[in-house]
Amino acid sequence: MEGKKKKRKKRRLSFWYILGGGVLKEDFFIRHIKMILLVVVLTFGFISNRYSCILKIKKIDSLQKELNEVQLEALAISVELAGYSRPSMVEELVKKQHINLEGANRPPYELHR
């Protein structure tokens, strides 16, 4: 009788027995089917969560790069605008455009009450 059990154990652990689904009929799997299903569902949930987090991190990185590019462009534009707003540059642009404007000869003064 012990010889049959040993042969039966070997048969139960064979590749085709596991692949064919015979292992799912074992007492251990039948008793713990709820726990096994819970672990499988949680595993899929964790994998899905990780995948969505990776996608969001990639999106954040691309938006961060775009933000840096826009900030550099805004800085370049403000530097260019500061250059154009200097009084000497304004006078030069007025002369190039042949506009009849002249600078003030007298300094500005304040009116007091």
Protein backbone atom coordinates (compact mmCIF):
# COMPACT_ATOMS: atom_id res chain seq x y z
CA MET A 1 0.00 0.00 0.00
CA GLU A 2 2.88 2.35 0.72
CA GLY A 3 4.30 1.66 -2.73
CA LYS A 4 1.08 2.86 -4.35
CA LYS A 5 1.17 6.11 -2.33
CA LYS A 6 4.75 6.78 -3.44
CA LYS A 7 3.80 6.13 -7.07
CA ARG A 8 0.73 8.29 -6.62
CA LYS A 9 2.84 11.13 -5.13
CA LYS A 10 5.22 10.97 -8.10
CA ARG A 11 2.28 11.02 -10.47
CA ARG A 12 0.77 14.03 -8.71
CA LEU A 13 3.95 16.03 -9.06
CA SER A 14 4.38 15.33 -12.76
CA PHE A 15 4.42 18.15 -15.27
CA TRP A 16 1.28 17.00 -17.08
CA TYR A 17 -0.63 16.61 -13.82
CA ILE A 18 0.07 20.23 -12.89
CA LEU A 19 -0.46 21.54 -16.44
CA GLY A 20 -3.67 19.59 -16.87
CA GLY A 21 -5.22 21.20 -13.80
CA GLY A 22 -5.29 18.10 -11.63
CA VAL A 23 -3.39 19.96 -8.94
CA LEU A 24 -6.38 22.32 -8.54
CA LYS A 25 -8.47 19.38 -7.31
CA GLU A 26 -6.14 18.83 -4.37
CA ASP A 27 -7.50 19.38 -0.88
CA PHE A 28 -5.07 22.26 -0.17
CA PHE A 29 -6.27 24.29 -3.15
CA ILE A 30 -9.93 23.61 -2.48
CA ARG A 31 -9.59 24.77 1.15
CA HIS A 32 -7.63 27.91 0.28
CA ILE A 33 -9.29 28.96 -2.98
CA LYS A 34 -10.57 32.26 -1.53
CA MET A 35 -7.11 33.25 -0.31
CA ILE A 36 -5.53 32.27 -3.63
CA LEU A 37 -8.09 34.34 -5.57
CA LEU A 38 -7.52 37.29 -3.22
CA VAL A 39 -3.75 37.11 -3.78
CA VAL A 40 -4.25 36.92 -7.58
CA VAL A 41 -6.63 39.91 -7.60
CA LEU A 42 -4.29 41.95 -5.37
CA THR A 43 -1.34 41.06 -7.59
CA PHE A 44 -3.17 42.31 -10.68
CA GLY A 45 -4.18 45.44 -8.77
CA PHE A 46 -0.60 46.18 -7.73
CA ILE A 47 0.70 45.61 -11.26
CA SER A 48 -1.97 47.91 -12.69
CA ASN A 49 -1.22 50.58 -10.08
CA ARG A 50 2.51 50.44 -10.81
CA TYR A 51 1.89 50.74 -14.54
CA SER A 52 -0.36 53.78 -14.12
CA CYS A 53 2.18 55.39 -11.77
CA ILE A 54 4.96 54.88 -14.31
CA LEU A 55 2.82 56.53 -17.02
CA LYS A 56 2.06 59.48 -14.75
CA ILE A 57 5.74 59.91 -13.84
CA LYS A 58 6.65 59.96 -17.54
CA LYS A 59 3.96 62.59 -18.16
CA ILE A 60 5.24 64.69 -15.23
CA ASP A 61 8.80 64.49 -16.58
CA SER A 62 7.75 65.60 -20.06
CA LEU A 63 5.69 68.48 -18.63
CA GLN A 64 8.64 69.50 -16.42
CA LYS A 65 10.93 69.64 -19.47
CA GLU A 66 8.34 71.68 -21.36
CA LEU A 67 8.01 74.06 -18.40
CA ASN A 68 11.79 74.57 -18.29
CA GLU A 69 11.84 75.34 -22.02
CA VAL A 70 9.02 77.87 -21.67
CA GLN A 71 10.71 79.53 -18.69
CA LEU A 72 13.97 79.87 -20.64
CA GLU A 73 12.08 81.34 -23.60
CA ALA A 74 10.29 83.82 -21.30
CA LEU A 75 13.62 84.83 -19.77
CA ALA A 76 15.13 85.40 -23.23
CA ILE A 77 12.16 87.53 -24.26
CA SER A 78 12.32 89.63 -21.07
CA VAL A 79 16.05 90.22 -21.59
CA GLU A 80 15.40 91.29 -25.17
CA LEU A 81 12.57 93.60 -24.04
CA ALA A 82 14.81 95.12 -21.36
CA GLY A 83 17.39 95.82 -24.06
CA TYR A 84 14.81 97.55 -26.26
CA SER A 85 13.47 99.69 -23.41
CA ARG A 86 16.80 101.36 -22.61
CA PRO A 87 16.66 105.09 -23.40
CA SER A 88 19.60 104.92 -25.80
CA MET A 89 17.99 102.05 -27.73
CA VAL A 90 14.66 103.90 -27.86
CA GLU A 91 16.37 106.98 -29.30
CA GLU A 92 18.16 104.85 -31.88
CA LEU A 93 14.90 103.15 -32.96
CA VAL A 94 13.17 106.55 -33.23
CA LYS A 95 15.96 107.83 -35.49
CA LYS A 96 15.85 104.68 -37.67
CA GLN A 97 12.10 105.06 -38.17
CA HIS A 98 12.45 108.78 -38.99
CA ILE A 99 10.00 109.89 -36.32
CA ASN A 100 10.29 113.54 -35.34
CA LEU A 101 10.69 113.14 -31.60
CA GLU A 102 13.35 114.63 -29.40
CA GLY A 103 14.47 113.96 -25.87
CA ALA A 104 13.51 116.39 -23.12
CA ASN A 105 15.96 119.25 -22.60
CA ARG A 106 14.77 120.03 -19.08
CA PRO A 107 14.62 117.45 -16.32
CA PRO A 108 11.18 116.49 -14.99
CA TYR A 109 9.90 118.26 -11.89
CA GLU A 110 7.27 117.47 -9.24
CA LEU A 111 4.23 119.52 -8.43
CA HIS A 112 3.48 120.00 -4.75
CA ARG A 113 0.20 121.07 -3.20
